[in-house]
Amino acid sequence: MLGNDIVLCIVGNKIDLEKDRQVSVKTAEEYAKSVNAKLYHTSAKLNKGVEELYTDLAQRMLAVVPPSPGASLGTNSMSRPGGTPIQPGITSNEPTDKKGCCS
């Protein structure tokens, strides 16, 4: 049904409120498996599973993106279709040596 370039995930949030659970873990796992999705359990309040969710999701997304024509292997940056450079390990919160937005 879905193409091979789709990464699907289901996130059970607020695991800190287990007593108020509306969907059982078993039901969530069965549904995720039925739609070929990965199930994550998270709590933003307790900061549990959130970083793992985004890290794993980003890695899975990068794994399904075909290399751009002419892209060189073995570099620290990858390209998405359309030529947008992706540099693993660089986030907007990390300081860089660059000044301004384009230098």
PDB file of N, CA and C in Angstrom:
ATOM      1  N   MET A   1       0.823  -1.188   0.000  1.00  0.00           N
ATOM      2  CA  MET A   1       0.000   0.000   0.000  1.00  0.00           C
ATOM      3  C   MET A   1       0.874   1.261   0.000  1.00  0.00           C
ATOM      4  N   LEU A   2       1.807   1.385   0.955  1.00  0.00           N
ATOM      5  CA  LEU A   2       2.696   2.540   0.994  1.00  0.00           C
ATOM      6  C   LEU A   2       3.933   2.252   0.175  1.00  0.00           C
ATOM      7  N   GLY A   3       4.555   3.298  -0.350  1.00  0.00           N
ATOM      8  CA  GLY A   3       5.785   3.132  -1.100  1.00  0.00           C
ATOM      9  C   GLY A   3       6.928   2.737  -0.178  1.00  0.00           C
ATOM     10  N   ASN A   4       8.024   2.322  -0.775  1.00  0.00           N
ATOM     11  CA  ASN A   4       9.187   1.908   0.011  1.00  0.00           C
ATOM     12  C   ASN A   4       9.923   3.087   0.634  1.00  0.00           C
ATOM     13  N   ASP A   5       9.583   4.316   0.234  1.00  0.00           N
ATOM     14  CA  ASP A   5      10.275   5.483   0.762  1.00  0.00           C
ATOM     15  C   ASP A   5       9.507   6.144   1.910  1.00  0.00           C
ATOM     16  N   ILE A   6       8.528   5.443   2.476  1.00  0.00           N
ATOM     17  CA  ILE A   6       7.734   5.971   3.583  1.00  0.00           C
ATOM     18  C   ILE A   6       8.234   5.366   4.890  1.00  0.00           C
ATOM     19  N   VAL A   7       8.448   6.211   5.885  1.00  0.00           N
ATOM     20  CA  VAL A   7       8.811   5.752   7.224  1.00  0.00           C
ATOM     21  C   VAL A   7       7.658   6.140   8.134  1.00  0.00           C
ATOM     22  N   LEU A   8       6.983   5.137   8.656  1.00  0.00           N
ATOM     23  CA  LEU A   8       5.786   5.366   9.462  1.00  0.00           C
ATOM     24  C   LEU A   8       6.075   5.021  10.913  1.00  0.00           C
ATOM     25  N   CYS A   9       5.643   5.885  11.818  1.00  0.00           N
ATOM     26  CA  CYS A   9       5.801   5.597  13.238  1.00  0.00           C
ATOM     27  C   CYS A   9       4.536   5.991  13.981  1.00  0.00           C
ATOM     28  N   ILE A  10       4.331   5.315  15.097  1.00  0.00           N
ATOM     29  CA  ILE A  10       3.220   5.619  15.991  1.00  0.00           C
ATOM     30  C   ILE A  10       3.833   5.919  17.346  1.00  0.00           C
ATOM     31  N   VAL A  11       3.413   7.031  17.938  1.00  0.00           N
ATOM     32  CA  VAL A  11       3.992   7.454  19.206  1.00  0.00           C
ATOM     33  C   VAL A  11       2.933   7.434  20.290  1.00  0.00           C
ATOM     34  N   GLY A  12       3.196   6.632  21.313  1.00  0.00           N
ATOM     35  CA  GLY A  12       2.357   6.646  22.509  1.00  0.00           C
ATOM     36  C   GLY A  12       2.976   7.632  23.479  1.00  0.00           C
ATOM     37  N   ASN A  13       2.360   8.776  23.637  1.00  0.00           N
ATOM     38  CA  ASN A  13       2.897   9.831  24.482  1.00  0.00           C
ATOM     39  C   ASN A  13       2.294   9.738  25.882  1.00  0.00           C
ATOM     40  N   LYS A  14       2.853  10.486  26.776  1.00  0.00           N
ATOM     41  CA  LYS A  14       2.390  10.585  28.160  1.00  0.00           C
ATOM     42  C   LYS A  14       2.476   9.249  28.894  1.00  0.00           C
ATOM     43  N   ILE A  15       3.587   8.545  28.706  1.00  0.00           N
ATOM     44  CA  ILE A  15       3.738   7.278  29.422  1.00  0.00           C
ATOM     45  C   ILE A  15       3.827   7.495  30.930  1.00  0.00           C
ATOM     46  N   ASP A  16       4.012   8.741  31.341  1.00  0.00           N
ATOM     47  CA  ASP A  16       4.012   9.061  32.768  1.00  0.00           C
ATOM     48  C   ASP A  16       2.599   8.987  33.360  1.00  0.00           C
ATOM     49  N   LEU A  17       1.588   8.906  32.505  1.00  0.00           N
ATOM     50  CA  LEU A  17       0.196   8.802  32.962  1.00  0.00           C
ATOM     51  C   LEU A  17      -0.362   7.409  32.669  1.00  0.00           C
ATOM     52  N   GLU A  18       0.394   6.387  33.017  1.00  0.00           N
ATOM     53  CA  GLU A  18       0.021   4.999  32.730  1.00  0.00           C
ATOM     54  C   GLU A  18      -1.368   4.659  33.270  1.00  0.00           C
ATOM     55  N   LYS A  19      -1.724   5.187  34.414  1.00  0.00           N
ATOM     56  CA  LYS A  19      -3.030   4.877  35.022  1.00  0.00           C
ATOM     57  C   LYS A  19      -4.199   5.371  34.173  1.00  0.00           C
ATOM     58  N   ASP A  20      -3.957   6.344  33.305  1.00  0.00           N
ATOM     59  CA  ASP A  20      -5.017   6.897  32.451  1.00  0.00           C
ATOM     60  C   ASP A  20      -4.986   6.325  31.033  1.00  0.00           C
ATOM     61  N   ARG A  21      -4.210   5.256  30.824  1.00  0.00           N
ATOM     62  CA  ARG A  21      -4.047   4.665  29.491  1.00  0.00           C
ATOM     63  C   ARG A  21      -5.410   4.298  28.904  1.00  0.00           C
ATOM     64  N   GLN A  22      -5.623   4.666  27.633  1.00  0.00           N
ATOM     65  CA  GLN A  22      -6.858   4.369  26.919  1.00  0.00           C
ATOM     66  C   GLN A  22      -6.686   3.208  25.941  1.00  0.00           C
ATOM     67  N   VAL A  23      -5.467   3.028  25.441  1.00  0.00           N
ATOM     68  CA  VAL A  23      -5.166   1.965  24.473  1.00  0.00           C
ATOM     69  C   VAL A  23      -4.101   1.070  25.097  1.00  0.00           C
ATOM     70  N   SER A  24      -4.354  -0.232  25.126  1.00  0.00           N
ATOM     71  CA  SER A  24      -3.384  -1.145  25.729  1.00  0.00           C
ATOM     72  C   SER A  24      -2.115  -1.201  24.880  1.00  0.00           C
ATOM     73  N   VAL A  25      -1.013  -1.545  25.530  1.00  0.00           N
ATOM     74  CA  VAL A  25       0.260  -1.678  24.830  1.00  0.00           C
ATOM     75  C   VAL A  25       0.131  -2.756  23.756  1.00  0.00           C
ATOM     76  N   LYS A  26      -0.517  -3.848  24.083  1.00  0.00           N
ATOM     77  CA  LYS A  26      -0.689  -4.942  23.120  1.00  0.00           C
ATOM     78  C   LYS A  26      -1.453  -4.472  21.882  1.00  0.00           C
ATOM     79  N   THR A  27      -2.542  -3.728  22.083  1.00  0.00           N
ATOM     80  CA  THR A  27      -3.327  -3.216  20.954  1.00  0.00           C
ATOM     81  C   THR A  27      -2.491  -2.274  20.089  1.00  0.00           C
ATOM     82  N   ALA A  28      -1.732  -1.393  20.731  1.00  0.00           N
ATOM     83  CA  ALA A  28      -0.873  -0.455  19.995  1.00  0.00           C
ATOM     84  C   ALA A  28       0.185  -1.207  19.201  1.00  0.00           C
ATOM     85  N   GLU A  29       0.808  -2.219  19.818  1.00  0.00           N
ATOM     86  CA  GLU A  29       1.836  -3.007  19.121  1.00  0.00           C
ATOM     87  C   GLU A  29       1.243  -3.750  17.928  1.00  0.00           C
ATOM     88  N   GLU A  30       0.067  -4.336  18.109  1.00  0.00           N
ATOM     89  CA  GLU A  30      -0.585  -5.065  17.015  1.00  0.00           C
ATOM     90  C   GLU A  30      -0.935  -4.128  15.864  1.00  0.00           C
ATOM     91  N   TYR A  31      -1.447  -2.942  16.195  1.00  0.00           N
ATOM     92  CA  TYR A  31      -1.806  -1.991  15.145  1.00  0.00           C
ATOM     93  C   TYR A  31      -0.556  -1.521  14.398  1.00  0.00           C
ATOM     94  N   ALA A  32       0.486  -1.175  15.146  1.00  0.00           N
ATOM     95  CA  ALA A  32       1.734  -0.722  14.507  1.00  0.00           C
ATOM     96  C   ALA A  32       2.259  -1.787  13.554  1.00  0.00           C
ATOM     97  N   LYS A  33       2.234  -3.029  13.994  1.00  0.00           N
ATOM     98  CA  LYS A  33       2.706  -4.122  13.135  1.00  0.00           C
ATOM     99  C   LYS A  33       1.825  -4.257  11.892  1.00  0.00           C
ATOM    100  N   SER A  34       0.518  -4.082  12.050  1.00  0.00           N
ATOM    101  CA  SER A  34      -0.408  -4.246  10.927  1.00  0.00           C
ATOM    102  C   SER A  34      -0.219  -3.189   9.841  1.00  0.00           C
ATOM    103  N   VAL A  35       0.294  -2.020  10.211  1.00  0.00           N
ATOM    104  CA  VAL A  35       0.515  -0.954   9.220  1.00  0.00           C
ATOM    105  C   VAL A  35       2.004  -0.756   8.924  1.00  0.00           C
ATOM    106  N   ASN A  36       2.815  -1.713   9.380  1.00  0.00           N
ATOM    107  CA  ASN A  36       4.261  -1.682   9.150  1.00  0.00           C
ATOM    108  C   ASN A  36       4.897  -0.404   9.699  1.00  0.00           C
ATOM    109  N   ALA A  37       4.520  -0.065  10.928  1.00  0.00           N
ATOM    110  CA  ALA A  37       5.051   1.126  11.593  1.00  0.00           C
ATOM    111  C   ALA A  37       5.861   0.699  12.812  1.00  0.00           C
ATOM    112  N   LYS A  38       6.723   1.564  13.255  1.00  0.00           N
ATOM    113  CA  LYS A  38       7.453   1.327  14.490  1.00  0.00           C
ATOM    114  C   LYS A  38       6.740   2.088  15.598  1.00  0.00           C
ATOM    115  N   LEU A  39       6.590   1.427  16.739  1.00  0.00           N
ATOM    116  CA  LEU A  39       5.894   2.016  17.880  1.00  0.00           C
ATOM    117  C   LEU A  39       6.900   2.565  18.876  1.00  0.00           C
ATOM    118  N   TYR A  40       6.668   3.790  19.323  1.00  0.00           N
ATOM    119  CA  TYR A  40       7.510   4.442  20.315  1.00  0.00           C
ATOM    120  C   TYR A  40       6.651   4.801  21.516  1.00  0.00           C
ATOM    121  N   HIS A  41       7.224   4.706  22.701  1.00  0.00           N
ATOM    122  CA  HIS A  41       6.550   5.132  23.928  1.00  0.00           C
ATOM    123  C   HIS A  41       7.362   6.296  24.486  1.00  0.00           C
ATOM    124  N   THR A  42       6.710   7.429  24.719  1.00  0.00           N
ATOM    125  CA  THR A  42       7.437   8.630  25.132  1.00  0.00           C
ATOM    126  C   THR A  42       6.746   9.373  26.264  1.00  0.00           C
ATOM    127  N   SER A  43       7.501  10.239  26.904  1.00  0.00           N
ATOM    128  CA  SER A  43       6.972  11.200  27.866  1.00  0.00           C
ATOM    129  C   SER A  43       7.802  12.463  27.759  1.00  0.00           C
ATOM    130  N   ALA A  44       7.198  13.521  27.260  1.00  0.00           N
ATOM    131  CA  ALA A  44       7.905  14.802  27.189  1.00  0.00           C
ATOM    132  C   ALA A  44       8.152  15.335  28.601  1.00  0.00           C
ATOM    133  N   LYS A  45       7.207  15.106  29.477  1.00  0.00           N
ATOM    134  CA  LYS A  45       7.326  15.590  30.855  1.00  0.00           C
ATOM    135  C   LYS A  45       8.547  14.978  31.551  1.00  0.00           C
ATOM    136  N   LEU A  46       8.735  13.673  31.376  1.00  0.00           N
ATOM    137  CA  LEU A  46       9.864  12.980  32.001  1.00  0.00           C
ATOM    138  C   LEU A  46      11.090  12.917  31.096  1.00  0.00           C
ATOM    139  N   ASN A  47      10.971  13.473  29.902  1.00  0.00           N
ATOM    140  CA  ASN A  47      12.042  13.436  28.899  1.00  0.00           C
ATOM    141  C   ASN A  47      12.493  11.993  28.641  1.00  0.00           C
ATOM    142  N   LYS A  48      11.523  11.137  28.409  1.00  0.00           N
ATOM    143  CA  LYS A  48      11.822   9.727  28.127  1.00  0.00           C
ATOM    144  C   LYS A  48      11.390   9.384  26.715  1.00  0.00           C
ATOM    145  N   GLY A  49      12.307   8.829  25.965  1.00  0.00           N
ATOM    146  CA  GLY A  49      12.003   8.325  24.635  1.00  0.00           C
ATOM    147  C   GLY A  49      11.914   9.360  23.538  1.00  0.00           C
ATOM    148  N   VAL A  50      11.935  10.632  23.864  1.00  0.00           N
ATOM    149  CA  VAL A  50      11.760  11.683  22.854  1.00  0.00           C
ATOM    150  C   VAL A  50      12.984  11.773  21.950  1.00  0.00           C
ATOM    151  N   GLU A  51      14.160  11.879  22.535  1.00  0.00           N
ATOM    152  CA  GLU A  51      15.377  11.967  21.722  1.00  0.00           C
ATOM    153  C   GLU A  51      15.560  10.687  20.907  1.00  0.00           C
ATOM    154  N   GLU A  52      15.297   9.552  21.516  1.00  0.00           N
ATOM    155  CA  GLU A  52      15.428   8.277  20.818  1.00  0.00           C
ATOM    156  C   GLU A  52      14.464   8.206  19.634  1.00  0.00           C
ATOM    157  N   LEU A  53      13.243   8.694  19.830  1.00  0.00           N
ATOM    158  CA  LEU A  53      12.248   8.725  18.758  1.00  0.00           C
ATOM    159  C   LEU A  53      12.776   9.499  17.555  1.00  0.00           C
ATOM    160  N   TYR A  54      13.208  10.734  17.780  1.00  0.00           N
ATOM    161  CA  TYR A  54      13.651  11.574  16.668  1.00  0.00           C
ATOM    162  C   TYR A  54      14.946  11.061  16.038  1.00  0.00           C
ATOM    163  N   THR A  55      15.859  10.567  16.853  1.00  0.00           N
ATOM    164  CA  THR A  55      17.113  10.034  16.312  1.00  0.00           C
ATOM    165  C   THR A  55      16.839   8.816  15.442  1.00  0.00           C
ATOM    166  N   ASP A  56      16.050   7.874  15.962  1.00  0.00           N
ATOM    167  CA  ASP A  56      15.744   6.662  15.207  1.00  0.00           C
ATOM    168  C   ASP A  56      14.947   6.984  13.947  1.00  0.00           C
ATOM    169  N   LEU A  57      13.973   7.875  14.068  1.00  0.00           N
ATOM    170  CA  LEU A  57      13.161   8.255  12.915  1.00  0.00           C
ATOM    171  C   LEU A  57      14.023   8.909  11.831  1.00  0.00           C
ATOM    172  N   ALA A  58      14.917   9.813  12.229  1.00  0.00           N
ATOM    173  CA  ALA A  58      15.797  10.463  11.246  1.00  0.00           C
ATOM    174  C   ALA A  58      16.705   9.447  10.571  1.00  0.00           C
ATOM    175  N   GLN A  59      17.263   8.522  11.337  1.00  0.00           N
ATOM    176  CA  GLN A  59      18.129   7.498  10.748  1.00  0.00           C
ATOM    177  C   GLN A  59      17.346   6.612   9.791  1.00  0.00           C
ATOM    178  N   ARG A  60      16.125   6.245  10.155  1.00  0.00           N
ATOM    179  CA  ARG A  60      15.305   5.412   9.280  1.00  0.00           C
ATOM    180  C   ARG A  60      14.923   6.173   8.017  1.00  0.00           C
ATOM    181  N   MET A  61      14.654   7.472   8.139  1.00  0.00           N
ATOM    182  CA  MET A  61      14.305   8.269   6.965  1.00  0.00           C
ATOM    183  C   MET A  61      15.501   8.390   6.021  1.00  0.00           C
ATOM    184  N   LEU A  62      16.679   8.632   6.575  1.00  0.00           N
ATOM    185  CA  LEU A  62      17.874   8.740   5.744  1.00  0.00           C
ATOM    186  C   LEU A  62      18.190   7.418   5.051  1.00  0.00           C
ATOM    187  N   ALA A  63      17.855   6.317   5.695  1.00  0.00           N
ATOM    188  CA  ALA A  63      18.138   5.001   5.117  1.00  0.00           C
ATOM    189  C   ALA A  63      17.286   4.715   3.882  1.00  0.00           C
ATOM    190  N   VAL A  64      16.105   5.316   3.783  1.00  0.00           N
ATOM    191  CA  VAL A  64      15.235   5.046   2.641  1.00  0.00           C
ATOM    192  C   VAL A  64      15.392   6.055   1.517  1.00  0.00           C
ATOM    193  N   VAL A  65      16.153   7.138   1.747  1.00  0.00           N
ATOM    194  CA  VAL A  65      16.358   8.147   0.708  1.00  0.00           C
ATOM    195  C   VAL A  65      17.430   7.647  -0.246  1.00  0.00           C
ATOM    196  N   PRO A  66      17.091   7.502  -1.532  1.00  0.00           N
ATOM    197  CA  PRO A  66      18.110   7.047  -2.479  1.00  0.00           C
ATOM    198  C   PRO A  66      19.168   8.130  -2.672  1.00  0.00           C
ATOM    199  N   PRO A  67      20.426   7.721  -2.912  1.00  0.00           N
ATOM    200  CA  PRO A  67      21.470   8.727  -3.129  1.00  0.00           C
ATOM    201  C   PRO A  67      21.179   9.558  -4.372  1.00  0.00           C
ATOM    202  N   SER A  68      21.544  10.814  -4.322  1.00  0.00           N
ATOM    203  CA  SER A  68      21.368  11.698  -5.472  1.00  0.00           C
ATOM    204  C   SER A  68      22.346  11.300  -6.565  1.00  0.00           C
ATOM    205  N   PRO A  69      21.959  11.457  -7.825  1.00  0.00           N
ATOM    206  CA  PRO A  69      22.902  11.174  -8.910  1.00  0.00           C
ATOM    207  C   PRO A  69      24.140  12.041  -8.758  1.00  0.00           C
ATOM    208  N   GLY A  70      25.297  11.439  -8.881  1.00  0.00           N
ATOM    209  CA  GLY A  70      26.549  12.179  -8.780  1.00  0.00           C
ATOM    210  C   GLY A  70      27.002  12.440  -7.367  1.00  0.00           C
ATOM    211  N   ALA A  71      26.247  11.957  -6.368  1.00  0.00           N
ATOM    212  CA  ALA A  71      26.656  12.179  -4.980  1.00  0.00           C
ATOM    213  C   ALA A  71      27.878  11.337  -4.684  1.00  0.00           C
ATOM    214  N   SER A  72      28.853  11.943  -4.023  1.00  0.00           N
ATOM    215  CA  SER A  72      30.059  11.188  -3.698  1.00  0.00           C
ATOM    216  C   SER A  72      29.868  10.494  -2.369  1.00  0.00           C
ATOM    217  N   LEU A  73      30.327   9.274  -2.301  1.00  0.00           N
ATOM    218  CA  LEU A  73      30.248   8.516  -1.065  1.00  0.00           C
ATOM    219  C   LEU A  73      31.472   8.813  -0.223  1.00  0.00           C
ATOM    220  N   GLY A  74      31.354   8.595   1.086  1.00  0.00           N
ATOM    221  CA  GLY A  74      32.490   8.768   1.973  1.00  0.00           C
ATOM    222  C   GLY A  74      32.660  10.185   2.485  1.00  0.00           C
ATOM    223  N   THR A  75      31.711  11.060   2.236  1.00  0.00           N
ATOM    224  CA  THR A  75      31.806  12.414   2.772  1.00  0.00           C
ATOM    225  C   THR A  75      30.950  12.504   4.018  1.00  0.00           C
ATOM    226  N   ASN A  76      31.055  13.604   4.738  1.00  0.00           N
ATOM    227  CA  ASN A  76      30.270  13.790   5.946  1.00  0.00           C
ATOM    228  C   ASN A  76      28.902  14.370   5.672  1.00  0.00           C
ATOM    229  N   SER A  77      28.596  14.679   4.438  1.00  0.00           N
ATOM    230  CA  SER A  77      27.276  15.200   4.137  1.00  0.00           C
ATOM    231  C   SER A  77      26.614  14.320   3.099  1.00  0.00           C
ATOM    232  N   MET A  78      25.306  14.254   3.164  1.00  0.00           N
ATOM    233  CA  MET A  78      24.515  13.490   2.211  1.00  0.00           C
ATOM    234  C   MET A  78      23.583  14.459   1.520  1.00  0.00           C
ATOM    235  N   SER A  79      22.977  14.028   0.435  1.00  0.00           N
ATOM    236  CA  SER A  79      22.024  14.883  -0.261  1.00  0.00           C
ATOM    237  C   SER A  79      20.696  14.181  -0.380  1.00  0.00           C
ATOM    238  N   ARG A  80      19.648  14.938  -0.214  1.00  0.00           N
ATOM    239  CA  ARG A  80      18.303  14.453  -0.457  1.00  0.00           C
ATOM    240  C   ARG A  80      17.993  14.717  -1.907  1.00  0.00           C
ATOM    241  N   PRO A  81      16.967  14.044  -2.446  1.00  0.00           N
ATOM    242  CA  PRO A  81      16.557  14.387  -3.804  1.00  0.00           C
ATOM    243  C   PRO A  81      16.289  15.888  -3.881  1.00  0.00           C
ATOM    244  N   GLY A  82      16.777  16.516  -4.894  1.00  0.00           N
ATOM    245  CA  GLY A  82      16.647  17.957  -5.022  1.00  0.00           C
ATOM    246  C   GLY A  82      17.916  18.670  -4.604  1.00  0.00           C
ATOM    247  N   GLY A  83      18.875  17.939  -4.048  1.00  0.00           N
ATOM    248  CA  GLY A  83      20.174  18.501  -3.742  1.00  0.00           C
ATOM    249  C   GLY A  83      20.306  19.206  -2.416  1.00  0.00           C
ATOM    250  N   THR A  84      19.365  19.080  -1.505  1.00  0.00           N
ATOM    251  CA  THR A  84      19.478  19.734  -0.215  1.00  0.00           C
ATOM    252  C   THR A  84      20.503  18.998   0.631  1.00  0.00           C
ATOM    253  N   PRO A  85      21.582  19.653   1.052  1.00  0.00           N
ATOM    254  CA  PRO A  85      22.604  18.954   1.829  1.00  0.00           C
ATOM    255  C   PRO A  85      22.115  18.638   3.237  1.00  0.00           C
ATOM    256  N   ILE A  86      22.486  17.455   3.694  1.00  0.00           N
ATOM    257  CA  ILE A  86      22.183  17.028   5.056  1.00  0.00           C
ATOM    258  C   ILE A  86      23.512  16.733   5.719  1.00  0.00           C
ATOM    259  N   GLN A  87      23.770  17.368   6.845  1.00  0.00           N
ATOM    260  CA  GLN A  87      25.022  17.141   7.542  1.00  0.00           C
ATOM    261  C   GLN A  87      24.726  16.522   8.892  1.00  0.00           C
ATOM    262  N   PRO A  88      24.941  15.208   9.028  1.00  0.00           N
ATOM    263  CA  PRO A  88      24.661  14.542  10.296  1.00  0.00           C
ATOM    264  C   PRO A  88      25.453  15.159  11.438  1.00  0.00           C
ATOM    265  N   GLY A  89      24.823  15.245  12.593  1.00  0.00           N
ATOM    266  CA  GLY A  89      25.507  15.721  13.782  1.00  0.00           C
ATOM    267  C   GLY A  89      25.464  17.220  13.985  1.00  0.00           C
ATOM    268  N   ILE A  90      24.955  17.967  13.028  1.00  0.00           N
ATOM    269  CA  ILE A  90      24.890  19.418  13.180  1.00  0.00           C
ATOM    270  C   ILE A  90      23.447  19.802  13.462  1.00  0.00           C
ATOM    271  N   THR A  91      23.220  20.485  14.569  1.00  0.00           N
ATOM    272  CA  THR A  91      21.883  20.961  14.901  1.00  0.00           C
ATOM    273  C   THR A  91      21.935  22.467  15.056  1.00  0.00           C
ATOM    274  N   SER A  92      20.770  23.070  15.083  1.00  0.00           N
ATOM    275  CA  SER A  92      20.714  24.524  15.193  1.00  0.00           C
ATOM    276  C   SER A  92      21.186  25.018  16.553  1.00  0.00           C
ATOM    277  N   ASN A  93      21.278  24.126  17.548  1.00  0.00           N
ATOM    278  CA  ASN A  93      21.709  24.534  18.878  1.00  0.00           C
ATOM    279  C   ASN A  93      23.219  24.485  19.060  1.00  0.00           C
ATOM    280  N   GLU A  94      23.924  23.907  18.097  1.00  0.00           N
ATOM    281  CA  GLU A  94      25.367  23.798  18.218  1.00  0.00           C
ATOM    282  C   GLU A  94      26.039  25.032  17.631  1.00  0.00           C
ATOM    283  N   PRO A  95      27.064  25.548  18.323  1.00  0.00           N
ATOM    284  CA  PRO A  95      27.779  26.706  17.766  1.00  0.00           C
ATOM    285  C   PRO A  95      28.571  26.294  16.540  1.00  0.00           C
ATOM    286  N   THR A  96      28.680  27.209  15.594  1.00  0.00           N
ATOM    287  CA  THR A  96      29.491  26.959  14.400  1.00  0.00           C
ATOM    288  C   THR A  96      30.489  28.085  14.243  1.00  0.00           C
ATOM    289  N   ASP A  97      31.460  27.874  13.367  1.00  0.00           N
ATOM    290  CA  ASP A  97      32.451  28.904  13.096  1.00  0.00           C
ATOM    291  C   ASP A  97      31.922  29.945  12.119  1.00  0.00           C
ATOM    292  N   LYS A  98      30.773  29.680  11.517  1.00  0.00           N
ATOM    293  CA  LYS A  98      30.224  30.562  10.495  1.00  0.00           C
ATOM    294  C   LYS A  98      29.570  31.778  11.132  1.00  0.00           C
ATOM    295  N   LYS A  99      29.629  32.884  10.427  1.00  0.00           N
ATOM    296  CA  LYS A  99      28.983  34.105  10.863  1.00  0.00           C
ATOM    297  C   LYS A  99      27.833  34.409   9.916  1.00  0.00           C
ATOM    298  N   GLY A 100      26.668  34.683  10.445  1.00  0.00           N
ATOM    299  CA  GLY A 100      25.519  34.981   9.607  1.00  0.00           C
ATOM    300  C   GLY A 100      24.879  33.726   9.043  1.00  0.00           C
ATOM    301  N   CYS A 101      23.867  33.880   8.252  1.00  0.00           N
ATOM    302  CA  CYS A 101      23.121  32.734   7.751  1.00  0.00           C
ATOM    303  C   CYS A 101      23.750  32.079   6.545  1.00  0.00           C
ATOM    304  N   CYS A 102      24.575  32.774   5.812  1.00  0.00           N
ATOM    305  CA  CYS A 102      25.023  32.231   4.520  1.00  0.00           C
ATOM    306  C   CYS A 102      26.530  32.130   4.362  1.00  0.00           C
ATOM    307  N   SER A 103      27.293  32.456   5.364  1.00  0.00           N
ATOM    308  CA  SER A 103      28.748  32.436   5.195  1.00  0.00           C
ATOM    309  C   SER A 103      29.358  31.233   5.861  1.00  0.00           C
TER     310      SER A 103
END
